Structures are given as structure tokens and as C-alpha cells.
PDB file of all heavy atoms in Angstrom:
ATOM      1  N   GLU A   1       0.813  -1.209   0.000  1.00  0.00           N
ATOM      2  CA  GLU A   1       0.000   0.000   0.000  1.00  0.00           C
ATOM      3  C   GLU A   1       0.850   1.264   0.000  1.00  0.00           C
ATOM      4  O   GLU A   1       0.395   2.332  -0.399  1.00  0.00           O
ATOM      5  CB  GLU A   1      -0.936   0.012   1.202  1.00  0.00           C
ATOM      6  CG  GLU A   1      -2.000  -1.093   1.166  1.00  0.00           C
ATOM      7  CD  GLU A   1      -2.938  -1.000   2.352  1.00  0.00           C
ATOM      8  OE1 GLU A   1      -2.732  -0.090   3.195  1.00  0.00           O
ATOM      9  OE2 GLU A   1      -3.870  -1.820   2.451  1.00  0.00           O
ATOM     10  N   HIS A   2       2.096   1.153   0.472  1.00  0.00           N
ATOM     11  CA  HIS A   2       2.957   2.337   0.596  1.00  0.00           C
ATOM     12  C   HIS A   2       4.221   2.222  -0.247  1.00  0.00           C
ATOM     13  O   HIS A   2       5.204   2.935  -0.007  1.00  0.00           O
ATOM     14  CB  HIS A   2       3.351   2.554   2.073  1.00  0.00           C
ATOM     15  CG  HIS A   2       2.198   2.834   2.972  1.00  0.00           C
ATOM     16  ND1 HIS A   2       1.484   1.838   3.581  1.00  0.00           N
ATOM     17  CD2 HIS A   2       1.623   4.009   3.354  1.00  0.00           C
ATOM     18  CE1 HIS A   2       0.526   2.359   4.324  1.00  0.00           C
ATOM     19  NE2 HIS A   2       0.565   3.681   4.195  1.00  0.00           N
ATOM     20  N   ARG A   3       4.217   1.351  -1.246  1.00  0.00           N
ATOM     21  CA  ARG A   3       5.442   1.132  -2.002  1.00  0.00           C
ATOM     22  C   ARG A   3       5.756   2.277  -2.968  1.00  0.00           C
ATOM     23  O   ARG A   3       6.917   2.497  -3.313  1.00  0.00           O
ATOM     24  CB  ARG A   3       5.363  -0.170  -2.790  1.00  0.00           C
ATOM     25  CG  ARG A   3       4.294  -0.237  -3.850  1.00  0.00           C
ATOM     26  CD  ARG A   3       4.166  -1.658  -4.390  1.00  0.00           C
ATOM     27  NE  ARG A   3       3.165  -1.774  -5.430  1.00  0.00           N
ATOM     28  CZ  ARG A   3       3.411  -1.653  -6.725  1.00  0.00           C
ATOM     29  NH1 ARG A   3       4.652  -1.384  -7.121  1.00  0.00           N
ATOM     30  NH2 ARG A   3       2.456  -1.785  -7.611  1.00  0.00           N
ATOM     31  N   LEU A   4       4.738   3.026  -3.404  1.00  0.00           N
ATOM     32  CA  LEU A   4       4.986   4.146  -4.297  1.00  0.00           C
ATOM     33  C   LEU A   4       5.574   5.325  -3.518  1.00  0.00           C
ATOM     34  O   LEU A   4       5.214   5.560  -2.362  1.00  0.00           O
ATOM     35  CB  LEU A   4       3.687   4.576  -4.980  1.00  0.00           C
ATOM     36  CG  LEU A   4       3.052   3.529  -5.909  1.00  0.00           C
ATOM     37  CD1 LEU A   4       1.735   4.053  -6.470  1.00  0.00           C
ATOM     38  CD2 LEU A   4       3.998   3.156  -7.031  1.00  0.00           C
ATOM     39  N   PRO A   5       6.519   6.083  -4.122  1.00  0.00           N
ATOM     40  CA  PRO A   5       7.176   7.205  -3.424  1.00  0.00           C
ATOM     41  C   PRO A   5       6.200   8.193  -2.812  1.00  0.00           C
ATOM     42  O   PRO A   5       6.404   8.679  -1.698  1.00  0.00           O
ATOM     43  CB  PRO A   5       8.021   7.856  -4.525  1.00  0.00           C
ATOM     44  CG  PRO A   5       8.290   6.748  -5.486  1.00  0.00           C
ATOM     45  CD  PRO A   5       7.048   5.914  -5.486  1.00  0.00           C
ATOM     46  N   GLU A   6       5.114   8.499  -3.545  1.00  0.00           N
ATOM     47  CA  GLU A   6       4.172   9.494  -3.033  1.00  0.00           C
ATOM     48  C   GLU A   6       3.355   8.985  -1.856  1.00  0.00           C
ATOM     49  O   GLU A   6       2.728   9.772  -1.146  1.00  0.00           O
ATOM     50  CB  GLU A   6       3.225   9.946  -4.150  1.00  0.00           C
ATOM     51  CG  GLU A   6       2.430   8.821  -4.797  1.00  0.00           C
ATOM     52  CD  GLU A   6       3.136   8.230  -6.001  1.00  0.00           C
ATOM     53  OE1 GLU A   6       4.374   8.339  -6.073  1.00  0.00           O
ATOM     54  OE2 GLU A   6       2.433   7.669  -6.856  1.00  0.00           O
ATOM     55  N   MET A   7       3.365   7.663  -1.610  1.00  0.00           N
ATOM     56  CA  MET A   7       2.588   7.103  -0.520  1.00  0.00           C
ATOM     57  C   MET A   7       3.364   7.011   0.789  1.00  0.00           C
ATOM     58  O   MET A   7       2.784   6.761   1.838  1.00  0.00           O
ATOM     59  CB  MET A   7       2.072   5.706  -0.914  1.00  0.00           C
ATOM     60  CG  MET A   7       1.159   5.701  -2.136  1.00  0.00           C
ATOM     61  SD  MET A   7      -0.296   6.742  -1.929  1.00  0.00           S
ATOM     62  CE  MET A   7      -1.143   5.860  -0.609  1.00  0.00           C
ATOM     63  N   HIS A   8       4.693   7.151   0.746  1.00  0.00           N
ATOM     64  CA  HIS A   8       5.458   7.091   2.007  1.00  0.00           C
ATOM     65  C   HIS A   8       6.350   8.322   2.207  1.00  0.00           C
ATOM     66  O   HIS A   8       7.356   8.280   2.902  1.00  0.00           O
ATOM     67  CB  HIS A   8       6.308   5.808   2.076  1.00  0.00           C
ATOM     68  CG  HIS A   8       7.334   5.672   0.982  1.00  0.00           C
ATOM     69  ND1 HIS A   8       7.126   4.908  -0.137  1.00  0.00           N
ATOM     70  CD2 HIS A   8       8.568   6.181   0.845  1.00  0.00           C
ATOM     71  CE1 HIS A   8       8.194   4.941  -0.922  1.00  0.00           C
ATOM     72  NE2 HIS A   8       9.085   5.715  -0.339  1.00  0.00           N
ATOM     73  N   GLN A   9       5.961   9.413   1.560  1.00  0.00           N
ATOM     74  CA  GLN A   9       6.676  10.687   1.719  1.00  0.00           C
ATOM     75  C   GLN A   9       8.172  10.483   1.471  1.00  0.00           C
ATOM     76  O   GLN A   9       9.016  10.858   2.278  1.00  0.00           O
ATOM     77  CB  GLN A   9       6.432  11.283   3.109  1.00  0.00           C
ATOM     78  CG  GLN A   9       4.980  11.629   3.369  1.00  0.00           C
ATOM     79  CD  GLN A   9       4.761  12.248   4.736  1.00  0.00           C
ATOM     80  OE1 GLN A   9       5.571  12.107   5.632  1.00  0.00           O
ATOM     81  NE2 GLN A   9       3.639  12.941   4.893  1.00  0.00           N
ATOM     82  N   CYS A  10       8.481   9.898   0.341  1.00  0.00           N
ATOM     83  CA  CYS A  10       9.861   9.540  -0.008  1.00  0.00           C
ATOM     84  C   CYS A  10      10.746  10.787  -0.086  1.00  0.00           C
ATOM     85  O   CYS A  10      10.446  11.734  -0.807  1.00  0.00           O
ATOM     86  CB  CYS A  10       9.871   8.801  -1.345  1.00  0.00           C
ATOM     87  SG  CYS A  10      11.524   8.330  -1.894  1.00  0.00           S
ATOM     88  N   PHE A  11      11.854  10.760   0.672  1.00  0.00           N
ATOM     89  CA  PHE A  11      12.774  11.892   0.658  1.00  0.00           C
ATOM     90  C   PHE A  11      13.783  11.780  -0.472  1.00  0.00           C
ATOM     91  O   PHE A  11      14.458  12.747  -0.822  1.00  0.00           O
ATOM     92  CB  PHE A  11      13.528  12.004   1.996  1.00  0.00           C
ATOM     93  CG  PHE A  11      14.404  10.828   2.301  1.00  0.00           C
ATOM     94  CD1 PHE A  11      15.693  10.744   1.812  1.00  0.00           C
ATOM     95  CD2 PHE A  11      13.931   9.788   3.099  1.00  0.00           C
ATOM     96  CE1 PHE A  11      16.495   9.657   2.105  1.00  0.00           C
ATOM     97  CE2 PHE A  11      14.728   8.699   3.385  1.00  0.00           C
ATOM     98  CZ  PHE A  11      16.014   8.632   2.883  1.00  0.00           C
ATOM     99  N   GLY A  12      13.891  10.595  -1.058  1.00  0.00           N
ATOM    100  CA  GLY A  12      14.865  10.400  -2.128  1.00  0.00           C
ATOM    101  C   GLY A  12      14.344  10.753  -3.506  1.00  0.00           C
ATOM    102  O   GLY A  12      15.128  10.943  -4.428  1.00  0.00           O
ATOM    103  N   ILE A  13      13.035  10.883  -3.639  1.00  0.00           N
ATOM    104  CA  ILE A  13      12.455  11.149  -4.949  1.00  0.00           C
ATOM    105  C   ILE A  13      12.895  12.498  -5.494  1.00  0.00           C
ATOM    106  O   ILE A  13      12.971  12.705  -6.702  1.00  0.00           O
ATOM    107  CB  ILE A  13      10.907  11.077  -4.884  1.00  0.00           C
ATOM    108  CG1 ILE A  13      10.296  11.109  -6.292  1.00  0.00           C
ATOM    109  CG2 ILE A  13      10.361  12.217  -4.031  1.00  0.00           C
ATOM    110  CD1 ILE A  13      10.610   9.899  -7.106  1.00  0.00           C
ATOM    111  N   ARG A  14      13.225  13.406  -4.583  1.00  0.00           N
ATOM    112  CA  ARG A  14      13.622  14.729  -5.057  1.00  0.00           C
ATOM    113  C   ARG A  14      14.967  14.711  -5.766  1.00  0.00           C
ATOM    114  O   ARG A  14      15.312  15.646  -6.489  1.00  0.00           O
ATOM    115  CB  ARG A  14      13.692  15.714  -3.880  1.00  0.00           C
ATOM    116  CG  ARG A  14      14.814  15.458  -2.904  1.00  0.00           C
ATOM    117  CD  ARG A  14      14.827  16.502  -1.797  1.00  0.00           C
ATOM    118  NE  ARG A  14      15.978  16.382  -0.940  1.00  0.00           N
ATOM    119  CZ  ARG A  14      16.067  15.569   0.092  1.00  0.00           C
ATOM    120  NH1 ARG A  14      15.028  14.785   0.397  1.00  0.00           N
ATOM    121  NH2 ARG A  14      17.160  15.506   0.830  1.00  0.00           N
ATOM    122  N   LEU A  15      15.760  13.644  -5.530  1.00  0.00           N
ATOM    123  CA  LEU A  15      17.057  13.532  -6.190  1.00  0.00           C
ATOM    124  C   LEU A  15      16.936  12.993  -7.603  1.00  0.00           C
ATOM    125  O   LEU A  15      17.881  13.072  -8.386  1.00  0.00           O
ATOM    126  CB  LEU A  15      17.987  12.626  -5.379  1.00  0.00           C
ATOM    127  CG  LEU A  15      18.320  13.101  -3.962  1.00  0.00           C
ATOM    128  CD1 LEU A  15      19.155  12.066  -3.253  1.00  0.00           C
ATOM    129  CD2 LEU A  15      19.032  14.439  -3.998  1.00  0.00           C
ATOM    130  N   ALA A  16      15.779  12.417  -7.939  1.00  0.00           N
ATOM    131  CA  ALA A  16      15.586  11.850  -9.273  1.00  0.00           C
ATOM    132  C   ALA A  16      15.272  12.967 -10.262  1.00  0.00           C
ATOM    133  O   ALA A  16      14.550  13.911  -9.936  1.00  0.00           O
ATOM    134  CB  ALA A  16      14.452  10.836  -9.251  1.00  0.00           C
ATOM    135  N   PRO A  17      15.827  12.894 -11.472  1.00  0.00           N
ATOM    136  CA  PRO A  17      15.546  13.937 -12.464  1.00  0.00           C
ATOM    137  C   PRO A  17      14.109  13.886 -12.938  1.00  0.00           C
ATOM    138  O   PRO A  17      13.484  12.830 -12.987  1.00  0.00           O
ATOM    139  CB  PRO A  17      16.519  13.591 -13.602  1.00  0.00           C
ATOM    140  CG  PRO A  17      16.766  12.124 -13.452  1.00  0.00           C
ATOM    141  CD  PRO A  17      16.736  11.862 -11.962  1.00  0.00           C
ATOM    142  N   SER A  18      13.582  15.041 -13.262  1.00  0.00           N
ATOM    143  CA  SER A  18      12.229  15.115 -13.795  1.00  0.00           C
ATOM    144  C   SER A  18      12.176  14.407 -15.148  1.00  0.00           C
ATOM    145  O   SER A  18      13.097  14.541 -15.948  1.00  0.00           O
ATOM    146  CB  SER A  18      11.830  16.582 -13.968  1.00  0.00           C
ATOM    147  OG  SER A  18      10.575  16.675 -14.605  1.00  0.00           O
ATOM    148  N   PRO A  19      11.097  13.638 -15.428  1.00  0.00           N
ATOM    149  CA  PRO A  19      11.030  12.891 -16.685  1.00  0.00           C
ATOM    150  C   PRO A  19      11.189  13.753 -17.927  1.00  0.00           C
ATOM    151  O   PRO A  19      11.752  13.316 -18.918  1.00  0.00           O
ATOM    152  CB  PRO A  19       9.632  12.250 -16.631  1.00  0.00           C
ATOM    153  CG  PRO A  19       9.327  12.160 -15.165  1.00  0.00           C
ATOM    154  CD  PRO A  19       9.944  13.376 -14.554  1.00  0.00           C
ATOM    155  N   ASP A  20      10.711  15.003 -17.870  1.00  0.00           N
ATOM    156  CA  ASP A  20      10.808  15.855 -19.051  1.00  0.00           C
ATOM    157  C   ASP A  20      12.189  16.451 -19.238  1.00  0.00           C
ATOM    158  O   ASP A  20      12.459  17.125 -20.219  1.00  0.00           O
ATOM    159  CB  ASP A  20       9.754  16.972 -18.986  1.00  0.00           C
ATOM    160  CG  ASP A  20       9.955  17.859 -17.769  1.00  0.00           C
ATOM    161  OD1 ASP A  20      10.705  17.465 -16.864  1.00  0.00           O
ATOM    162  OD2 ASP A  20       9.345  18.943 -17.722  1.00  0.00           O
ATOM    163  N   ARG A  21      13.093  16.200 -18.257  1.00  0.00           N
ATOM    164  CA  ARG A  21      14.455  16.729 -18.363  1.00  0.00           C
ATOM    165  C   ARG A  21      15.468  15.625 -18.601  1.00  0.00           C
ATOM    166  O   ARG A  21      16.645  15.899 -18.760  1.00  0.00           O
ATOM    167  CB  ARG A  21      14.827  17.491 -17.085  1.00  0.00           C
ATOM    168  CG  ARG A  21      13.959  18.703 -16.828  1.00  0.00           C
ATOM    169  CD  ARG A  21      14.349  19.375 -15.538  1.00  0.00           C
ATOM    170  NE  ARG A  21      15.725  19.824 -15.571  1.00  0.00           N
ATOM    171  CZ  ARG A  21      16.366  20.317 -14.509  1.00  0.00           C
ATOM    172  NH1 ARG A  21      15.742  20.416 -13.358  1.00  0.00           N
ATOM    173  NH2 ARG A  21      17.624  20.700 -14.606  1.00  0.00           N
ATOM    174  N   VAL A  22      15.021  14.394 -18.626  1.00  0.00           N
ATOM    175  CA  VAL A  22      15.939  13.273 -18.795  1.00  0.00           C
ATOM    176  C   VAL A  22      16.223  13.065 -20.272  1.00  0.00           C
ATOM    177  O   VAL A  22      15.313  13.000 -21.090  1.00  0.00           O
ATOM    178  CB  VAL A  22      15.342  11.978 -18.198  1.00  0.00           C
ATOM    179  CG1 VAL A  22      16.254  10.794 -18.500  1.00  0.00           C
ATOM    180  CG2 VAL A  22      15.173  12.129 -16.702  1.00  0.00           C
ATOM    181  N   ARG A  23      17.496  12.958 -20.605  1.00  0.00           N
ATOM    182  CA  ARG A  23      17.886  12.629 -21.961  1.00  0.00           C
ATOM    183  C   ARG A  23      18.449  11.219 -21.977  1.00  0.00           C
ATOM    184  O   ARG A  23      19.142  10.818 -21.039  1.00  0.00           O
ATOM    185  CB  ARG A  23      18.945  13.614 -22.468  1.00  0.00           C
ATOM    186  CG  ARG A  23      18.427  15.026 -22.652  1.00  0.00           C
ATOM    187  CD  ARG A  23      19.496  15.927 -23.202  1.00  0.00           C
ATOM    188  NE  ARG A  23      20.621  16.018 -22.273  1.00  0.00           N
ATOM    189  CZ  ARG A  23      21.746  16.668 -22.548  1.00  0.00           C
ATOM    190  NH1 ARG A  23      21.907  17.247 -23.718  1.00  0.00           N
ATOM    191  NH2 ARG A  23      22.708  16.723 -21.659  1.00  0.00           N
ATOM    192  N   PRO A  24      18.183  10.444 -23.010  1.00  0.00           N
ATOM    193  CA  PRO A  24      18.721   9.072 -23.067  1.00  0.00           C
ATOM    194  C   PRO A  24      20.241   9.090 -22.904  1.00  0.00           C
ATOM    195  O   PRO A  24      20.934   9.882 -23.558  1.00  0.00           O
ATOM    196  CB  PRO A  24      18.311   8.589 -24.463  1.00  0.00           C
ATOM    197  CG  PRO A  24      17.139   9.448 -24.831  1.00  0.00           C
ATOM    198  CD  PRO A  24      17.391  10.776 -24.190  1.00  0.00           C
ATOM    199  N   TYR A  25      20.743   8.243 -22.034  1.00  0.00           N
ATOM    200  CA  TYR A  25      22.179   8.200 -21.774  1.00  0.00           C
ATOM    201  C   TYR A  25      22.857   7.205 -22.710  1.00  0.00           C
ATOM    202  O   TYR A  25      22.458   6.047 -22.784  1.00  0.00           O
ATOM    203  CB  TYR A  25      22.436   7.788 -20.319  1.00  0.00           C
ATOM    204  CG  TYR A  25      23.906   7.655 -20.008  1.00  0.00           C
ATOM    205  CD1 TYR A  25      24.714   8.785 -19.936  1.00  0.00           C
ATOM    206  CD2 TYR A  25      24.482   6.404 -19.816  1.00  0.00           C
ATOM    207  CE1 TYR A  25      26.055   8.673 -19.664  1.00  0.00           C
ATOM    208  CE2 TYR A  25      25.824   6.287 -19.544  1.00  0.00           C
ATOM    209  CZ  TYR A  25      26.603   7.429 -19.465  1.00  0.00           C
ATOM    210  OH  TYR A  25      27.947   7.297 -19.209  1.00  0.00           O
ATOM    211  N   LYS A  26      23.816   7.673 -23.467  1.00  0.00           N
ATOM    212  CA  LYS A  26      24.564   6.818 -24.387  1.00  0.00           C
ATOM    213  C   LYS A  26      26.020   6.816 -23.956  1.00  0.00           C
ATOM    214  O   LYS A  26      26.789   7.714 -24.323  1.00  0.00           O
ATOM    215  CB  LYS A  26      24.436   7.335 -25.816  1.00  0.00           C
ATOM    216  CG  LYS A  26      22.997   7.350 -26.320  1.00  0.00           C
ATOM    217  CD  LYS A  26      22.916   7.877 -27.733  1.00  0.00           C
ATOM    218  CE  LYS A  26      21.475   7.883 -28.227  1.00  0.00           C
ATOM    219  NZ  LYS A  26      21.357   8.411 -29.610  1.00  0.00           N
ATOM    220  N   PRO A  27      26.410   5.870 -23.115  1.00  0.00           N
ATOM    221  CA  PRO A  27      27.761   5.886 -22.557  1.00  0.00           C
ATOM    222  C   PRO A  27      28.847   5.737 -23.604  1.00  0.00           C
ATOM    223  O   PRO A  27      28.794   4.822 -24.428  1.00  0.00           O
ATOM    224  CB  PRO A  27      27.751   4.699 -21.579  1.00  0.00           C
ATOM    225  CG  PRO A  27      26.686   3.803 -22.102  1.00  0.00           C
ATOM    226  CD  PRO A  27      25.645   4.702 -22.686  1.00  0.00           C
ATOM    227  N   TYR A  28      29.782   6.702 -23.611  1.00  0.00           N
ATOM    228  CA  TYR A  28      30.985   6.625 -24.427  1.00  0.00           C
ATOM    229  C   TYR A  28      30.657   6.495 -25.918  1.00  0.00           C
ATOM    230  O   TYR A  28      31.289   5.744 -26.659  1.00  0.00           O
ATOM    231  CB  TYR A  28      31.884   5.468 -23.975  1.00  0.00           C
ATOM    232  CG  TYR A  28      32.005   5.390 -22.485  1.00  0.00           C
ATOM    233  CD1 TYR A  28      31.533   4.306 -21.776  1.00  0.00           C
ATOM    234  CD2 TYR A  28      32.566   6.454 -21.779  1.00  0.00           C
ATOM    235  CE1 TYR A  28      31.632   4.261 -20.409  1.00  0.00           C
ATOM    236  CE2 TYR A  28      32.666   6.414 -20.404  1.00  0.00           C
ATOM    237  CZ  TYR A  28      32.191   5.316 -19.723  1.00  0.00           C
ATOM    238  OH  TYR A  28      32.279   5.273 -18.364  1.00  0.00           O
ATOM    239  N   GLU A  29      29.628   7.217 -26.363  1.00  0.00           N
ATOM    240  CA  GLU A  29      29.213   7.132 -27.752  1.00  0.00           C
ATOM    241  C   GLU A  29      30.336   7.564 -28.689  1.00  0.00           C
ATOM    242  O   GLU A  29      30.493   7.014 -29.778  1.00  0.00           O
ATOM    243  CB  GLU A  29      27.980   8.018 -27.959  1.00  0.00           C
ATOM    244  CG  GLU A  29      27.404   7.944 -29.352  1.00  0.00           C
ATOM    245  CD  GLU A  29      26.189   8.819 -29.478  1.00  0.00           C
ATOM    246  OE1 GLU A  29      26.191   9.912 -28.870  1.00  0.00           O
ATOM    247  OE2 GLU A  29      25.235   8.426 -30.137  1.00  0.00           O
ATOM    248  N   ASP A  30      31.149   8.543 -28.241  1.00  0.00           N
ATOM    249  CA  ASP A  30      32.201   9.059 -29.102  1.00  0.00           C
ATOM    250  C   ASP A  30      33.569   8.497 -28.743  1.00  0.00           C
ATOM    251  O   ASP A  30      34.591   9.065 -29.079  1.00  0.00           O
ATOM    252  CB  ASP A  30      32.257  10.594 -28.998  1.00  0.00           C
ATOM    253  CG  ASP A  30      32.550  11.054 -27.582  1.00  0.00           C
ATOM    254  OD1 ASP A  30      32.323  10.258 -26.662  1.00  0.00           O
ATOM    255  OD2 ASP A  30      33.004  12.199 -27.411  1.00  0.00           O
ATOM    256  N   THR A  31      33.599   7.383 -28.061  1.00  0.00           N
ATOM    257  CA  THR A  31      34.870   6.824 -27.619  1.00  0.00           C
ATOM    258  C   THR A  31      34.973   5.379 -28.028  1.00  0.00           C
ATOM    259  O   THR A  31      34.040   4.774 -28.564  1.00  0.00           O
ATOM    260  CB  THR A  31      34.998   6.912 -26.090  1.00  0.00           C
ATOM    261  OG1 THR A  31      34.012   6.038 -25.513  1.00  0.00           O
ATOM    262  CG2 THR A  31      34.760   8.321 -25.582  1.00  0.00           C
ATOM    263  N   LEU A  32      36.137   4.810 -27.747  1.00  0.00           N
ATOM    264  CA  LEU A  32      36.347   3.392 -27.980  1.00  0.00           C
ATOM    265  C   LEU A  32      36.030   2.638 -26.709  1.00  0.00           C
ATOM    266  O   LEU A  32      36.884   1.994 -26.101  1.00  0.00           O
ATOM    267  CB  LEU A  32      37.802   3.146 -28.421  1.00  0.00           C
ATOM    268  CG  LEU A  32      38.223   3.861 -29.708  1.00  0.00           C
ATOM    269  CD1 LEU A  32      39.682   3.569 -30.005  1.00  0.00           C
ATOM    270  CD2 LEU A  32      37.356   3.432 -30.875  1.00  0.00           C
ATOM    271  N   GLY A  33      34.808   2.744 -26.241  1.00  0.00           N
ATOM    272  CA  GLY A  33      34.414   2.145 -24.968  1.00  0.00           C
ATOM    273  C   GLY A  33      34.415   0.627 -25.029  1.00  0.00           C
ATOM    274  O   GLY A  33      34.125   0.014 -26.046  1.00  0.00           O
ATOM    275  N   VAL A  34      34.759   0.012 -23.912  1.00  0.00           N
ATOM    276  CA  VAL A  34      34.765  -1.436 -23.791  1.00  0.00           C
ATOM    277  C   VAL A  34      34.018  -1.809 -22.526  1.00  0.00           C
ATOM    278  O   VAL A  34      34.251  -1.215 -21.472  1.00  0.00           O
ATOM    279  CB  VAL A  34      36.212  -1.991 -23.727  1.00  0.00           C
ATOM    280  CG1 VAL A  34      36.178  -3.493 -23.548  1.00  0.00           C
ATOM    281  CG2 VAL A  34      36.979  -1.621 -24.987  1.00  0.00           C
ATOM    282  N   ARG A  35      33.116  -2.758 -22.610  1.00  0.00           N
ATOM    283  CA  ARG A  35      32.361  -3.208 -21.439  1.00  0.00           C
ATOM    284  C   ARG A  35      32.796  -4.620 -21.087  1.00  0.00           C
ATOM    285  O   ARG A  35      32.768  -5.509 -21.926  1.00  0.00           O
ATOM    286  CB  ARG A  35      30.857  -3.176 -21.714  1.00  0.00           C
ATOM    287  CG  ARG A  35      30.300  -1.759 -21.792  1.00  0.00           C
ATOM    288  CD  ARG A  35      28.792  -1.792 -21.934  1.00  0.00           C
ATOM    289  NE  ARG A  35      28.258  -0.447 -21.915  1.00  0.00           N
ATOM    290  CZ  ARG A  35      27.925   0.207 -20.817  1.00  0.00           C
ATOM    291  NH1 ARG A  35      28.087  -0.373 -19.639  1.00  0.00           N
ATOM    292  NH2 ARG A  35      27.440   1.422 -20.868  1.00  0.00           N
ATOM    293  N   THR A  36      33.199  -4.802 -19.848  1.00  0.00           N
ATOM    294  CA  THR A  36      33.603  -6.115 -19.372  1.00  0.00           C
ATOM    295  C   THR A  36      33.039  -6.326 -17.986  1.00  0.00           C
ATOM    296  O   THR A  36      33.425  -5.630 -17.044  1.00  0.00           O
ATOM    297  CB  THR A  36      35.146  -6.235 -19.311  1.00  0.00           C
ATOM    298  OG1 THR A  36      35.674  -5.922 -20.600  1.00  0.00           O
ATOM    299  CG2 THR A  36      35.557  -7.638 -18.932  1.00  0.00           C
ATOM    300  N   ARG A  37      32.092  -7.273 -17.870  1.00  0.00           N
ATOM    301  CA  ARG A  37      31.467  -7.566 -16.581  1.00  0.00           C
ATOM    302  C   ARG A  37      30.893  -6.302 -15.937  1.00  0.00           C
ATOM    303  O   ARG A  37      31.052  -6.061 -14.740  1.00  0.00           O
ATOM    304  CB  ARG A  37      32.475  -8.228 -15.631  1.00  0.00           C
ATOM    305  CG  ARG A  37      32.925  -9.605 -16.106  1.00  0.00           C
ATOM    306  CD  ARG A  37      33.849 -10.248 -15.100  1.00  0.00           C
ATOM    307  NE  ARG A  37      34.296 -11.550 -15.571  1.00  0.00           N
ATOM    308  CZ  ARG A  37      35.125 -12.346 -14.893  1.00  0.00           C
ATOM    309  NH1 ARG A  37      35.597 -11.969 -13.723  1.00  0.00           N
ATOM    310  NH2 ARG A  37      35.490 -13.515 -15.378  1.00  0.00           N
ATOM    311  N   GLY A  38      30.278  -5.464 -16.749  1.00  0.00           N
ATOM    312  CA  GLY A  38      29.627  -4.275 -16.219  1.00  0.00           C
ATOM    313  C   GLY A  38      30.541  -3.080 -16.062  1.00  0.00           C
ATOM    314  O   GLY A  38      30.083  -2.010 -15.724  1.00  0.00           O
TER     315      GLY A  38
END
């Protein structure tokens, strides 16, 4: 019943970016990035 942020007065929600300000994150798009085990 209280799992949603607005139902338990979540103090951490304010740190999350607003959906209309979020841009898709493309890590190392202009680099020779390598991913190994995360």
C-alpha cells in the first residue's frame, strides 16, 4: 500500500531527475568504450 514514493513521503524522490528533463544516456558514444562484466 505504501510502495509508491508518493505514498510514504519519499525523501529520495527529489534527487531523481524530472522525466521531461531526462535525456537518453549513451555511454561513451564518441569513444572506444569497452564493457567487461559491467
